[in-house]
Amino acid sequence: MANKKFDAGDVVPVEIYSAPDGESEVEFAVSVEVYDGFGSAKHIYPTEQIDRASDLFAEDKSDGITVNDEVRLYTIPHDELR
């Protein structure tokens, strides 16, 4: 079970990414499930398959987003990987 769920348009928590210069908030472009891993690791899965990991974030603000070292982005929903 996911630790947290976010809908498209929800603000991405700052523990997931480093904001580009001048940006204070980035939004998810699709609904996602966030699973906590060991330590501060986070695994971000879309609820529906997407083409690229960058498709997780709103297009107009996705330039320059850098995810934190402990964050893993996926393009396939968690349930489909089992």
N, C-alpha and C. Protein backbone atom coordinates (compact mmCIF):
# COMPACT_ATOMS: atom_id res chain seq x y z
N MET A 1 0.84 -1.18 0.00
CA MET A 1 0.00 0.00 0.00
C MET A 1 0.88 1.24 0.00
N ALA A 2 0.49 2.22 -0.80
CA ALA A 2 1.25 3.46 -0.91
C ALA A 2 1.22 4.22 0.42
N ASN A 3 2.32 4.88 0.72
CA ASN A 3 2.36 5.70 1.93
C ASN A 3 1.57 6.99 1.73
N LYS A 4 1.59 7.52 0.49
CA LYS A 4 0.87 8.75 0.18
C LYS A 4 0.40 8.69 -1.26
N LYS A 5 -0.71 9.37 -1.53
CA LYS A 5 -1.22 9.49 -2.90
C LYS A 5 -1.38 10.97 -3.20
N PHE A 6 -1.05 11.34 -4.43
CA PHE A 6 -1.19 12.72 -4.89
C PHE A 6 -1.93 12.70 -6.21
N ASP A 7 -2.81 13.66 -6.41
CA ASP A 7 -3.54 13.80 -7.67
C ASP A 7 -2.82 14.77 -8.59
N ALA A 8 -3.16 14.72 -9.87
CA ALA A 8 -2.63 15.69 -10.83
C ALA A 8 -2.97 17.08 -10.32
N GLY A 9 -2.00 17.97 -10.34
CA GLY A 9 -2.20 19.34 -9.86
C GLY A 9 -1.76 19.56 -8.43
N ASP A 10 -1.54 18.47 -7.68
CA ASP A 10 -1.05 18.61 -6.31
C ASP A 10 0.41 19.03 -6.34
N VAL A 11 0.82 19.78 -5.34
CA VAL A 11 2.20 20.26 -5.24
C VAL A 11 3.11 19.10 -4.83
N VAL A 12 4.25 18.99 -5.51
CA VAL A 12 5.24 17.97 -5.21
C VAL A 12 5.94 18.34 -3.91
N PRO A 13 6.01 17.43 -2.93
CA PRO A 13 6.70 17.74 -1.68
C PRO A 13 8.19 18.04 -1.93
N VAL A 14 8.73 18.98 -1.17
CA VAL A 14 10.11 19.41 -1.39
C VAL A 14 11.13 18.33 -1.05
N GLU A 15 10.76 17.29 -0.32
CA GLU A 15 11.73 16.22 -0.06
C GLU A 15 11.95 15.34 -1.28
N ILE A 16 11.18 15.57 -2.35
CA ILE A 16 11.31 14.77 -3.57
C ILE A 16 12.22 15.43 -4.60
N TYR A 17 12.28 16.76 -4.65
CA TYR A 17 13.01 17.42 -5.73
C TYR A 17 13.72 18.69 -5.23
N SER A 18 14.64 19.15 -6.06
CA SER A 18 15.25 20.46 -5.86
C SER A 18 14.65 21.38 -6.91
N ALA A 19 14.07 22.47 -6.47
CA ALA A 19 13.38 23.38 -7.38
C ALA A 19 14.35 24.11 -8.29
N PRO A 20 13.94 24.36 -9.54
CA PRO A 20 14.75 25.18 -10.43
C PRO A 20 14.85 26.60 -9.88
N ASP A 21 15.84 27.33 -10.32
CA ASP A 21 16.00 28.72 -9.88
C ASP A 21 14.71 29.50 -10.11
N GLY A 22 14.28 30.21 -9.08
CA GLY A 22 13.11 31.05 -9.21
C GLY A 22 11.78 30.33 -9.06
N GLU A 23 11.79 29.01 -8.98
CA GLU A 23 10.54 28.25 -8.82
C GLU A 23 10.37 27.88 -7.36
N SER A 24 9.18 28.03 -6.86
CA SER A 24 8.94 27.65 -5.48
C SER A 24 8.07 26.40 -5.38
N GLU A 25 7.23 26.15 -6.38
CA GLU A 25 6.37 24.98 -6.35
C GLU A 25 6.35 24.28 -7.70
N VAL A 26 6.33 22.98 -7.65
CA VAL A 26 6.18 22.15 -8.84
C VAL A 26 4.99 21.26 -8.58
N GLU A 27 4.19 21.00 -9.62
CA GLU A 27 3.00 20.18 -9.46
C GLU A 27 3.15 18.86 -10.20
N PHE A 28 2.44 17.85 -9.71
CA PHE A 28 2.37 16.58 -10.42
C PHE A 28 1.46 16.76 -11.63
N ALA A 29 1.82 16.14 -12.75
CA ALA A 29 1.01 16.19 -13.96
C ALA A 29 0.02 15.04 -14.01
N VAL A 30 0.30 14.00 -13.26
CA VAL A 30 -0.56 12.81 -13.21
C VAL A 30 -0.73 12.40 -11.75
N SER A 31 -1.70 11.55 -11.49
CA SER A 31 -1.86 11.00 -10.14
C SER A 31 -0.72 10.02 -9.87
N VAL A 32 -0.19 10.07 -8.65
CA VAL A 32 0.94 9.21 -8.29
C VAL A 32 0.74 8.59 -6.92
N GLU A 33 1.48 7.52 -6.69
CA GLU A 33 1.57 6.90 -5.38
C GLU A 33 3.03 6.97 -4.95
N VAL A 34 3.24 7.37 -3.71
CA VAL A 34 4.60 7.50 -3.18
C VAL A 34 4.80 6.43 -2.11
N TYR A 35 5.82 5.62 -2.31
CA TYR A 35 6.17 4.57 -1.35
C TYR A 35 7.48 4.96 -0.69
N ASP A 36 7.53 4.85 0.63
CA ASP A 36 8.78 5.08 1.35
C ASP A 36 9.63 3.84 1.25
N GLY A 37 10.94 4.05 1.09
CA GLY A 37 11.88 2.95 1.07
C GLY A 37 12.73 3.00 2.32
N PHE A 38 13.90 2.38 2.28
CA PHE A 38 14.81 2.40 3.41
C PHE A 38 15.37 3.80 3.60
N GLY A 39 15.53 4.20 4.84
CA GLY A 39 16.06 5.53 5.13
C GLY A 39 15.11 6.60 4.58
N SER A 40 15.67 7.50 3.79
CA SER A 40 14.85 8.59 3.24
C SER A 40 14.45 8.33 1.79
N ALA A 41 14.62 7.09 1.32
CA ALA A 41 14.28 6.75 -0.06
C ALA A 41 12.79 6.90 -0.32
N LYS A 42 12.47 7.39 -1.52
CA LYS A 42 11.08 7.54 -1.97
C LYS A 42 10.98 6.92 -3.37
N HIS A 43 9.89 6.21 -3.62
CA HIS A 43 9.62 5.61 -4.92
C HIS A 43 8.31 6.19 -5.42
N ILE A 44 8.35 6.84 -6.59
CA ILE A 44 7.20 7.54 -7.14
C ILE A 44 6.67 6.77 -8.34
N TYR A 45 5.43 6.27 -8.23
CA TYR A 45 4.80 5.50 -9.28
C TYR A 45 3.56 6.23 -9.79
N PRO A 46 3.38 6.32 -11.11
CA PRO A 46 2.12 6.89 -11.63
C PRO A 46 1.00 5.86 -11.43
N THR A 47 -0.24 6.33 -11.40
CA THR A 47 -1.36 5.39 -11.29
C THR A 47 -1.75 4.82 -12.65
N GLU A 48 -1.30 5.47 -13.73
CA GLU A 48 -1.47 4.95 -15.09
C GLU A 48 -0.13 5.08 -15.80
N GLN A 49 0.18 4.15 -16.69
CA GLN A 49 1.47 4.14 -17.37
C GLN A 49 1.70 5.44 -18.14
N ILE A 50 2.95 5.92 -18.08
CA ILE A 50 3.36 7.11 -18.81
C ILE A 50 4.58 6.75 -19.65
N ASP A 51 4.97 7.64 -20.58
CA ASP A 51 6.09 7.36 -21.48
C ASP A 51 7.45 7.64 -20.85
N ARG A 52 7.55 8.76 -20.13
CA ARG A 52 8.84 9.18 -19.56
C ARG A 52 8.64 9.59 -18.10
N ALA A 53 9.67 9.41 -17.30
CA ALA A 53 9.59 9.82 -15.89
C ALA A 53 9.31 11.31 -15.76
N SER A 54 9.79 12.10 -16.70
CA SER A 54 9.55 13.55 -16.64
C SER A 54 8.08 13.89 -16.81
N ASP A 55 7.28 12.94 -17.34
CA ASP A 55 5.84 13.15 -17.49
C ASP A 55 5.11 13.16 -16.15
N LEU A 56 5.81 12.83 -15.07
CA LEU A 56 5.21 12.88 -13.73
C LEU A 56 4.94 14.31 -13.29
N PHE A 57 5.70 15.25 -13.83
CA PHE A 57 5.63 16.63 -13.38
C PHE A 57 4.95 17.52 -14.41
N ALA A 58 4.30 18.57 -13.93
CA ALA A 58 3.61 19.50 -14.81
C ALA A 58 4.61 20.07 -15.81
N GLU A 59 4.24 20.03 -17.07
CA GLU A 59 5.13 20.39 -18.17
C GLU A 59 5.66 21.81 -18.08
N ASP A 60 4.81 22.75 -17.69
CA ASP A 60 5.22 24.15 -17.68
C ASP A 60 6.26 24.46 -16.61
N LYS A 61 6.43 23.58 -15.63
CA LYS A 61 7.40 23.83 -14.56
C LYS A 61 8.44 22.73 -14.44
N SER A 62 8.46 21.79 -15.38
CA SER A 62 9.35 20.64 -15.23
C SER A 62 10.79 20.90 -15.66
N ASP A 63 11.03 21.98 -16.40
CA ASP A 63 12.41 22.27 -16.81
C ASP A 63 13.26 22.57 -15.59
N GLY A 64 14.37 21.89 -15.48
CA GLY A 64 15.30 22.17 -14.40
C GLY A 64 15.01 21.44 -13.11
N ILE A 65 13.98 20.61 -13.07
CA ILE A 65 13.72 19.84 -11.85
C ILE A 65 14.81 18.79 -11.69
N THR A 66 15.33 18.71 -10.50
CA THR A 66 16.30 17.67 -10.17
C THR A 66 15.75 16.91 -8.98
N VAL A 67 15.49 15.62 -9.17
CA VAL A 67 15.00 14.84 -8.04
C VAL A 67 16.15 14.56 -7.09
N ASN A 68 15.84 14.44 -5.83
CA ASN A 68 16.86 14.17 -4.82
C ASN A 68 17.46 12.79 -5.01
N ASP A 69 18.65 12.58 -4.47
CA ASP A 69 19.40 11.33 -4.68
C ASP A 69 18.64 10.08 -4.27
N GLU A 70 17.84 10.15 -3.25
CA GLU A 70 17.14 8.98 -2.73
C GLU A 70 15.78 8.74 -3.38
N VAL A 71 15.46 9.49 -4.44
CA VAL A 71 14.15 9.38 -5.09
C VAL A 71 14.28 8.58 -6.38
N ARG A 72 13.37 7.63 -6.56
CA ARG A 72 13.32 6.83 -7.79
C ARG A 72 11.98 7.08 -8.47
N LEU A 73 12.04 7.38 -9.76
CA LEU A 73 10.83 7.66 -10.55
C LEU A 73 10.54 6.49 -11.46
N TYR A 74 9.27 6.14 -11.60
CA TYR A 74 8.86 5.01 -12.41
C TYR A 74 7.82 5.46 -13.44
N THR A 75 7.70 4.71 -14.51
CA THR A 75 6.72 5.03 -15.56
C THR A 75 5.56 4.04 -15.57
N ILE A 76 5.67 3.00 -14.78
CA ILE A 76 4.65 1.94 -14.74
C ILE A 76 4.05 1.92 -13.33
N PRO A 77 2.73 1.78 -13.21
CA PRO A 77 2.13 1.71 -11.88
C PRO A 77 2.70 0.57 -11.04
N HIS A 78 2.75 0.78 -9.75
CA HIS A 78 3.32 -0.19 -8.82
C HIS A 78 2.68 -1.56 -8.95
N ASP A 79 1.36 -1.61 -9.04
CA ASP A 79 0.65 -2.89 -9.12
C ASP A 79 0.99 -3.68 -10.37
N GLU A 80 1.37 -3.02 -11.45
CA GLU A 80 1.70 -3.72 -12.69
C GLU A 80 3.11 -4.29 -12.68
N LEU A 81 3.93 -3.91 -11.72
CA LEU A 81 5.30 -4.42 -11.64
C LEU A 81 5.39 -5.76 -10.87
N ARG A 82 4.32 -6.15 -10.28
CA ARG A 82 4.33 -7.40 -9.50
C ARG A 82 4.15 -8.60 -10.37
